[in-house]
Amino acid sequence: MNRRGEPAENLAAAFLEAEGLKILARNYRCRFGEIDLVAVNGATLVFVEVRARGSEAYGGAAGSITAAKRMRLVAAARHYLMHHRSSSPCRFDVVLVRGREPRVEWLRDAFGE
């Protein structure tokens, strides 16, 4: 995480907690990449990518999640699951933080088919 990303991650964590999720880990790092937030929503383990952009130029926050980034997130999530011996159902969510006066948008099961 960089210095500019920390406020967005703090805002996303507070937002998700207010929505009833429990944050288990922040900035989980392994050789495959980093997961911004790991949370639990009921019985479901949730891997959260936080994206912040000041404007919608160049595709905005959502457009910045490339196929390569998704592959790294999935690999990091597999690493987390192996090392935490979890067999819980899981999903990938994205929290978008947009604008100078931030608006939060929560995309549940963002990588679902």
N, C-alpha and C. Protein backbone atom coordinates (compact mmCIF):
# COMPACT_ATOMS: atom_id res chain seq x y z
N MET A 1 0.85 -1.18 0.00
CA MET A 1 0.00 0.00 0.00
C MET A 1 0.88 1.23 0.00
N ASN A 2 0.47 2.23 -0.74
CA ASN A 2 1.21 3.48 -0.74
C ASN A 2 0.53 4.49 0.19
N ARG A 3 1.21 5.60 0.40
CA ARG A 3 0.66 6.62 1.31
C ARG A 3 -0.70 7.13 0.87
N ARG A 4 -0.91 7.25 -0.43
CA ARG A 4 -2.20 7.76 -0.92
C ARG A 4 -3.30 6.74 -0.75
N GLY A 5 -2.96 5.46 -0.72
CA GLY A 5 -3.97 4.42 -0.59
C GLY A 5 -4.46 4.20 0.82
N GLU A 6 -3.67 4.59 1.80
CA GLU A 6 -4.04 4.33 3.19
C GLU A 6 -5.37 4.98 3.59
N PRO A 7 -5.60 6.26 3.30
CA PRO A 7 -6.90 6.84 3.67
C PRO A 7 -8.08 6.12 3.00
N ALA A 8 -7.90 5.72 1.75
CA ALA A 8 -8.98 5.00 1.05
C ALA A 8 -9.23 3.65 1.72
N GLU A 9 -8.18 2.94 2.10
CA GLU A 9 -8.35 1.66 2.77
C GLU A 9 -9.00 1.82 4.14
N ASN A 10 -8.63 2.87 4.86
CA ASN A 10 -9.26 3.15 6.15
C ASN A 10 -10.75 3.43 5.97
N LEU A 11 -11.08 4.22 4.97
CA LEU A 11 -12.47 4.55 4.69
C LEU A 11 -13.25 3.29 4.29
N ALA A 12 -12.64 2.46 3.44
CA ALA A 12 -13.29 1.21 3.01
C ALA A 12 -13.51 0.27 4.19
N ALA A 13 -12.52 0.14 5.05
CA ALA A 13 -12.65 -0.75 6.22
C ALA A 13 -13.78 -0.26 7.13
N ALA A 14 -13.83 1.04 7.39
CA ALA A 14 -14.89 1.59 8.24
C ALA A 14 -16.26 1.38 7.60
N PHE A 15 -16.34 1.59 6.29
CA PHE A 15 -17.59 1.39 5.57
C PHE A 15 -18.07 -0.06 5.69
N LEU A 16 -17.15 -1.01 5.43
CA LEU A 16 -17.53 -2.43 5.49
C LEU A 16 -17.92 -2.85 6.91
N GLU A 17 -17.21 -2.34 7.90
CA GLU A 17 -17.57 -2.66 9.29
C GLU A 17 -18.97 -2.13 9.61
N ALA A 18 -19.28 -0.93 9.12
CA ALA A 18 -20.62 -0.37 9.34
C ALA A 18 -21.70 -1.20 8.64
N GLU A 19 -21.31 -1.92 7.59
CA GLU A 19 -22.23 -2.80 6.87
C GLU A 19 -22.30 -4.20 7.49
N GLY A 20 -21.56 -4.41 8.58
CA GLY A 20 -21.65 -5.67 9.31
C GLY A 20 -20.53 -6.67 9.06
N LEU A 21 -19.54 -6.32 8.24
CA LEU A 21 -18.42 -7.22 8.01
C LEU A 21 -17.39 -7.05 9.13
N LYS A 22 -16.66 -8.10 9.41
CA LYS A 22 -15.58 -8.04 10.39
C LYS A 22 -14.26 -8.14 9.64
N ILE A 23 -13.39 -7.17 9.85
CA ILE A 23 -12.08 -7.16 9.18
C ILE A 23 -11.15 -8.10 9.92
N LEU A 24 -10.60 -9.09 9.20
CA LEU A 24 -9.69 -10.06 9.78
C LEU A 24 -8.23 -9.68 9.55
N ALA A 25 -7.94 -9.07 8.40
CA ALA A 25 -6.55 -8.72 8.07
C ALA A 25 -6.55 -7.52 7.14
N ARG A 26 -5.47 -6.76 7.23
CA ARG A 26 -5.27 -5.62 6.33
C ARG A 26 -3.92 -5.80 5.67
N ASN A 27 -3.87 -5.54 4.39
CA ASN A 27 -2.64 -5.60 3.61
C ASN A 27 -1.94 -6.95 3.76
N TYR A 28 -2.69 -8.02 3.52
CA TYR A 28 -2.11 -9.36 3.56
C TYR A 28 -1.17 -9.51 2.36
N ARG A 29 0.10 -9.76 2.66
CA ARG A 29 1.11 -9.87 1.61
C ARG A 29 1.69 -11.28 1.55
N CYS A 30 1.92 -11.71 0.33
CA CYS A 30 2.63 -12.97 0.10
C CYS A 30 3.39 -12.79 -1.22
N ARG A 31 4.07 -13.82 -1.64
CA ARG A 31 4.88 -13.68 -2.86
C ARG A 31 4.03 -13.46 -4.11
N PHE A 32 2.74 -13.74 -4.04
CA PHE A 32 1.88 -13.59 -5.20
C PHE A 32 1.28 -12.20 -5.33
N GLY A 33 1.26 -11.46 -4.23
CA GLY A 33 0.67 -10.13 -4.27
C GLY A 33 0.15 -9.71 -2.91
N GLU A 34 -0.75 -8.75 -2.93
CA GLU A 34 -1.31 -8.20 -1.70
C GLU A 34 -2.82 -8.14 -1.80
N ILE A 35 -3.46 -8.45 -0.69
CA ILE A 35 -4.92 -8.29 -0.57
C ILE A 35 -5.13 -7.15 0.41
N ASP A 36 -5.86 -6.13 -0.02
CA ASP A 36 -6.04 -4.94 0.81
C ASP A 36 -6.73 -5.27 2.13
N LEU A 37 -7.86 -5.96 2.05
CA LEU A 37 -8.62 -6.32 3.25
C LEU A 37 -9.12 -7.75 3.13
N VAL A 38 -9.06 -8.46 4.24
CA VAL A 38 -9.69 -9.77 4.33
C VAL A 38 -10.74 -9.63 5.42
N ALA A 39 -11.97 -9.98 5.09
CA ALA A 39 -13.08 -9.79 6.03
C ALA A 39 -13.94 -11.04 6.05
N VAL A 40 -14.85 -11.06 6.99
CA VAL A 40 -15.84 -12.14 7.05
C VAL A 40 -17.22 -11.50 7.06
N ASN A 41 -18.11 -12.06 6.23
CA ASN A 41 -19.49 -11.60 6.12
C ASN A 41 -20.36 -12.82 6.36
N GLY A 42 -20.84 -12.98 7.59
CA GLY A 42 -21.54 -14.20 7.95
C GLY A 42 -20.55 -15.35 7.94
N ALA A 43 -20.82 -16.37 7.15
CA ALA A 43 -19.90 -17.51 7.04
C ALA A 43 -18.96 -17.37 5.85
N THR A 44 -19.06 -16.28 5.11
CA THR A 44 -18.28 -16.10 3.89
C THR A 44 -17.03 -15.28 4.14
N LEU A 45 -15.91 -15.78 3.65
CA LEU A 45 -14.65 -15.05 3.70
C LEU A 45 -14.60 -14.13 2.49
N VAL A 46 -14.28 -12.87 2.72
CA VAL A 46 -14.33 -11.87 1.66
C VAL A 46 -12.96 -11.26 1.47
N PHE A 47 -12.44 -11.35 0.25
CA PHE A 47 -11.18 -10.71 -0.11
C PHE A 47 -11.54 -9.41 -0.82
N VAL A 48 -11.02 -8.30 -0.29
CA VAL A 48 -11.45 -6.98 -0.76
C VAL A 48 -10.29 -6.23 -1.40
N GLU A 49 -10.52 -5.77 -2.61
CA GLU A 49 -9.59 -4.87 -3.29
C GLU A 49 -10.17 -3.47 -3.19
N VAL A 50 -9.35 -2.53 -2.72
CA VAL A 50 -9.78 -1.14 -2.58
C VAL A 50 -9.11 -0.34 -3.69
N ARG A 51 -9.91 0.40 -4.45
CA ARG A 51 -9.38 1.22 -5.53
C ARG A 51 -9.86 2.64 -5.33
N ALA A 52 -8.94 3.59 -5.41
CA ALA A 52 -9.28 5.00 -5.23
C ALA A 52 -8.79 5.79 -6.44
N ARG A 53 -9.63 6.69 -6.89
CA ARG A 53 -9.28 7.57 -7.98
C ARG A 53 -9.94 8.92 -7.72
N GLY A 54 -9.23 9.97 -8.08
CA GLY A 54 -9.76 11.32 -7.93
C GLY A 54 -10.75 11.67 -9.02
N SER A 55 -10.65 10.98 -10.18
CA SER A 55 -11.56 11.27 -11.29
C SER A 55 -11.85 9.98 -12.04
N GLU A 56 -12.76 10.06 -12.97
CA GLU A 56 -13.13 8.91 -13.78
C GLU A 56 -12.30 8.82 -15.06
N ALA A 57 -11.32 9.71 -15.22
CA ALA A 57 -10.46 9.68 -16.40
C ALA A 57 -9.71 8.35 -16.46
N TYR A 58 -9.43 7.90 -17.65
CA TYR A 58 -8.67 6.67 -17.88
C TYR A 58 -9.35 5.44 -17.30
N GLY A 59 -10.68 5.44 -17.27
CA GLY A 59 -11.41 4.27 -16.81
C GLY A 59 -11.78 4.29 -15.34
N GLY A 60 -11.31 5.26 -14.59
CA GLY A 60 -11.66 5.38 -13.19
C GLY A 60 -11.15 4.23 -12.34
N ALA A 61 -11.68 4.14 -11.14
CA ALA A 61 -11.22 3.15 -10.16
C ALA A 61 -11.51 1.73 -10.61
N ALA A 62 -12.71 1.48 -11.09
CA ALA A 62 -13.07 0.12 -11.49
C ALA A 62 -12.26 -0.34 -12.69
N GLY A 63 -12.00 0.56 -13.61
CA GLY A 63 -11.24 0.22 -14.81
C GLY A 63 -9.78 -0.08 -14.54
N SER A 64 -9.32 0.23 -13.34
CA SER A 64 -7.91 0.01 -13.02
C SER A 64 -7.62 -1.42 -12.56
N ILE A 65 -8.65 -2.25 -12.47
CA ILE A 65 -8.45 -3.65 -12.07
C ILE A 65 -8.33 -4.49 -13.33
N THR A 66 -7.11 -4.77 -13.69
CA THR A 66 -6.83 -5.51 -14.92
C THR A 66 -6.97 -7.01 -14.69
N ALA A 67 -6.94 -7.76 -15.78
CA ALA A 67 -6.97 -9.22 -15.68
C ALA A 67 -5.75 -9.73 -14.91
N ALA A 68 -4.60 -9.11 -15.12
CA ALA A 68 -3.39 -9.52 -14.40
C ALA A 68 -3.54 -9.26 -12.91
N LYS A 69 -4.15 -8.14 -12.55
CA LYS A 69 -4.37 -7.82 -11.13
C LYS A 69 -5.32 -8.85 -10.51
N ARG A 70 -6.37 -9.21 -11.23
CA ARG A 70 -7.30 -10.22 -10.72
C ARG A 70 -6.59 -11.55 -10.51
N MET A 71 -5.72 -11.94 -11.42
CA MET A 71 -4.99 -13.20 -11.27
C MET A 71 -4.10 -13.16 -10.02
N ARG A 72 -3.45 -12.02 -9.76
CA ARG A 72 -2.61 -11.90 -8.56
C ARG A 72 -3.46 -11.98 -7.29
N LEU A 73 -4.64 -11.36 -7.32
CA LEU A 73 -5.53 -11.41 -6.16
C LEU A 73 -6.00 -12.83 -5.88
N VAL A 74 -6.35 -13.55 -6.92
CA VAL A 74 -6.79 -14.93 -6.76
C VAL A 74 -5.66 -15.79 -6.20
N ALA A 75 -4.45 -15.61 -6.72
CA ALA A 75 -3.30 -16.38 -6.22
C ALA A 75 -3.01 -16.04 -4.76
N ALA A 76 -3.08 -14.77 -4.40
CA ALA A 76 -2.85 -14.37 -3.01
C ALA A 76 -3.95 -14.93 -2.10
N ALA A 77 -5.18 -14.96 -2.59
CA ALA A 77 -6.29 -15.52 -1.80
C ALA A 77 -6.09 -17.01 -1.57
N ARG A 78 -5.64 -17.72 -2.59
CA ARG A 78 -5.35 -19.15 -2.42
C ARG A 78 -4.27 -19.37 -1.37
N HIS A 79 -3.25 -18.50 -1.40
CA HIS A 79 -2.18 -18.58 -0.40
C HIS A 79 -2.76 -18.35 1.01
N TYR A 80 -3.61 -17.35 1.14
CA TYR A 80 -4.24 -17.06 2.43
C TYR A 80 -5.03 -18.27 2.91
N LEU A 81 -5.83 -18.85 2.03
CA LEU A 81 -6.67 -19.99 2.40
C LEU A 81 -5.82 -21.19 2.83
N MET A 82 -4.72 -21.43 2.13
CA MET A 82 -3.84 -22.55 2.49
C MET A 82 -3.20 -22.34 3.86
N HIS A 83 -2.74 -21.12 4.11
CA HIS A 83 -2.02 -20.85 5.35
C HIS A 83 -2.93 -20.61 6.55
N HIS A 84 -4.19 -20.36 6.31
CA HIS A 84 -5.14 -20.17 7.41
C HIS A 84 -6.11 -21.33 7.52
N ARG A 85 -5.87 -22.36 6.73
CA ARG A 85 -6.64 -23.60 6.76
C ARG A 85 -8.15 -23.33 6.79
N SER A 86 -8.58 -22.49 5.89
CA SER A 86 -10.00 -22.14 5.82
C SER A 86 -10.67 -22.90 4.69
N SER A 87 -11.84 -23.40 4.98
CA SER A 87 -12.66 -24.03 3.94
C SER A 87 -13.98 -23.28 3.77
N SER A 88 -14.01 -22.06 4.29
CA SER A 88 -15.22 -21.24 4.17
C SER A 88 -15.46 -20.87 2.72
N PRO A 89 -16.73 -20.66 2.37
CA PRO A 89 -16.98 -20.11 1.04
C PRO A 89 -16.35 -18.72 0.98
N CYS A 90 -15.91 -18.31 -0.20
CA CYS A 90 -15.28 -16.99 -0.29
C CYS A 90 -15.74 -16.28 -1.55
N ARG A 91 -15.49 -14.98 -1.55
CA ARG A 91 -15.81 -14.16 -2.71
C ARG A 91 -14.83 -12.99 -2.75
N PHE A 92 -14.81 -12.32 -3.89
CA PHE A 92 -13.97 -11.14 -4.08
C PHE A 92 -14.86 -9.93 -4.24
N ASP A 93 -14.68 -8.96 -3.37
CA ASP A 93 -15.40 -7.70 -3.46
C ASP A 93 -14.43 -6.59 -3.84
N VAL A 94 -14.96 -5.53 -4.37
CA VAL A 94 -14.18 -4.34 -4.67
C VAL A 94 -14.87 -3.17 -4.01
N VAL A 95 -14.10 -2.33 -3.36
CA VAL A 95 -14.62 -1.08 -2.81
C VAL A 95 -13.96 0.05 -3.60
N LEU A 96 -14.79 0.84 -4.26
CA LEU A 96 -14.32 1.97 -5.04
C LEU A 96 -14.48 3.24 -4.21
N VAL A 97 -13.43 4.00 -4.13
CA VAL A 97 -13.46 5.29 -3.43
C VAL A 97 -13.21 6.33 -4.51
N ARG A 98 -14.22 7.16 -4.76
CA ARG A 98 -14.17 8.08 -5.89
C ARG A 98 -14.30 9.52 -5.46
N GLY A 99 -13.57 10.38 -6.16
CA GLY A 99 -13.72 11.81 -6.01
C GLY A 99 -12.89 12.41 -4.89
N ARG A 100 -12.80 13.71 -4.95
CA ARG A 100 -12.03 14.46 -3.93
C ARG A 100 -12.73 14.41 -2.58
N GLU A 101 -14.07 14.51 -2.61
CA GLU A 101 -14.87 14.31 -1.40
C GLU A 101 -15.42 12.90 -1.55
N PRO A 102 -14.72 11.93 -1.00
CA PRO A 102 -14.90 10.54 -1.41
C PRO A 102 -16.31 9.99 -1.26
N ARG A 103 -16.71 9.29 -2.33
CA ARG A 103 -17.92 8.48 -2.33
C ARG A 103 -17.47 7.03 -2.38
N VAL A 104 -18.13 6.20 -1.61
CA VAL A 104 -17.76 4.78 -1.54
C VAL A 104 -18.81 3.97 -2.28
N GLU A 105 -18.33 3.07 -3.12
CA GLU A 105 -19.22 2.13 -3.82
C GLU A 105 -18.69 0.72 -3.57
N TRP A 106 -19.58 -0.16 -3.14
CA TRP A 106 -19.20 -1.53 -2.79
C TRP A 106 -19.73 -2.47 -3.86
N LEU A 107 -18.82 -3.16 -4.53
CA LEU A 107 -19.19 -4.13 -5.55
C LEU A 107 -18.99 -5.53 -4.96
N ARG A 108 -20.10 -6.16 -4.59
CA ARG A 108 -20.02 -7.50 -4.01
C ARG A 108 -19.83 -8.53 -5.11
N ASP A 109 -19.05 -9.54 -4.82
CA ASP A 109 -18.77 -10.62 -5.76
C ASP A 109 -18.37 -10.05 -7.13
N ALA A 110 -17.40 -9.16 -7.09
CA ALA A 110 -17.00 -8.40 -8.27
C ALA A 110 -16.40 -9.27 -9.37
N PHE A 111 -15.85 -10.42 -9.02
CA PHE A 111 -15.23 -11.27 -10.03
C PHE A 111 -16.11 -12.46 -10.36
N GLY A 112 -17.32 -12.49 -9.81
CA GLY A 112 -18.24 -13.61 -10.05
C GLY A 112 -18.64 -13.68 -11.50
N GLU A 113 -19.06 -14.82 -11.89
CA GLU A 113 -19.43 -15.02 -13.30
C GLU A 113 -20.92 -14.97 -13.45
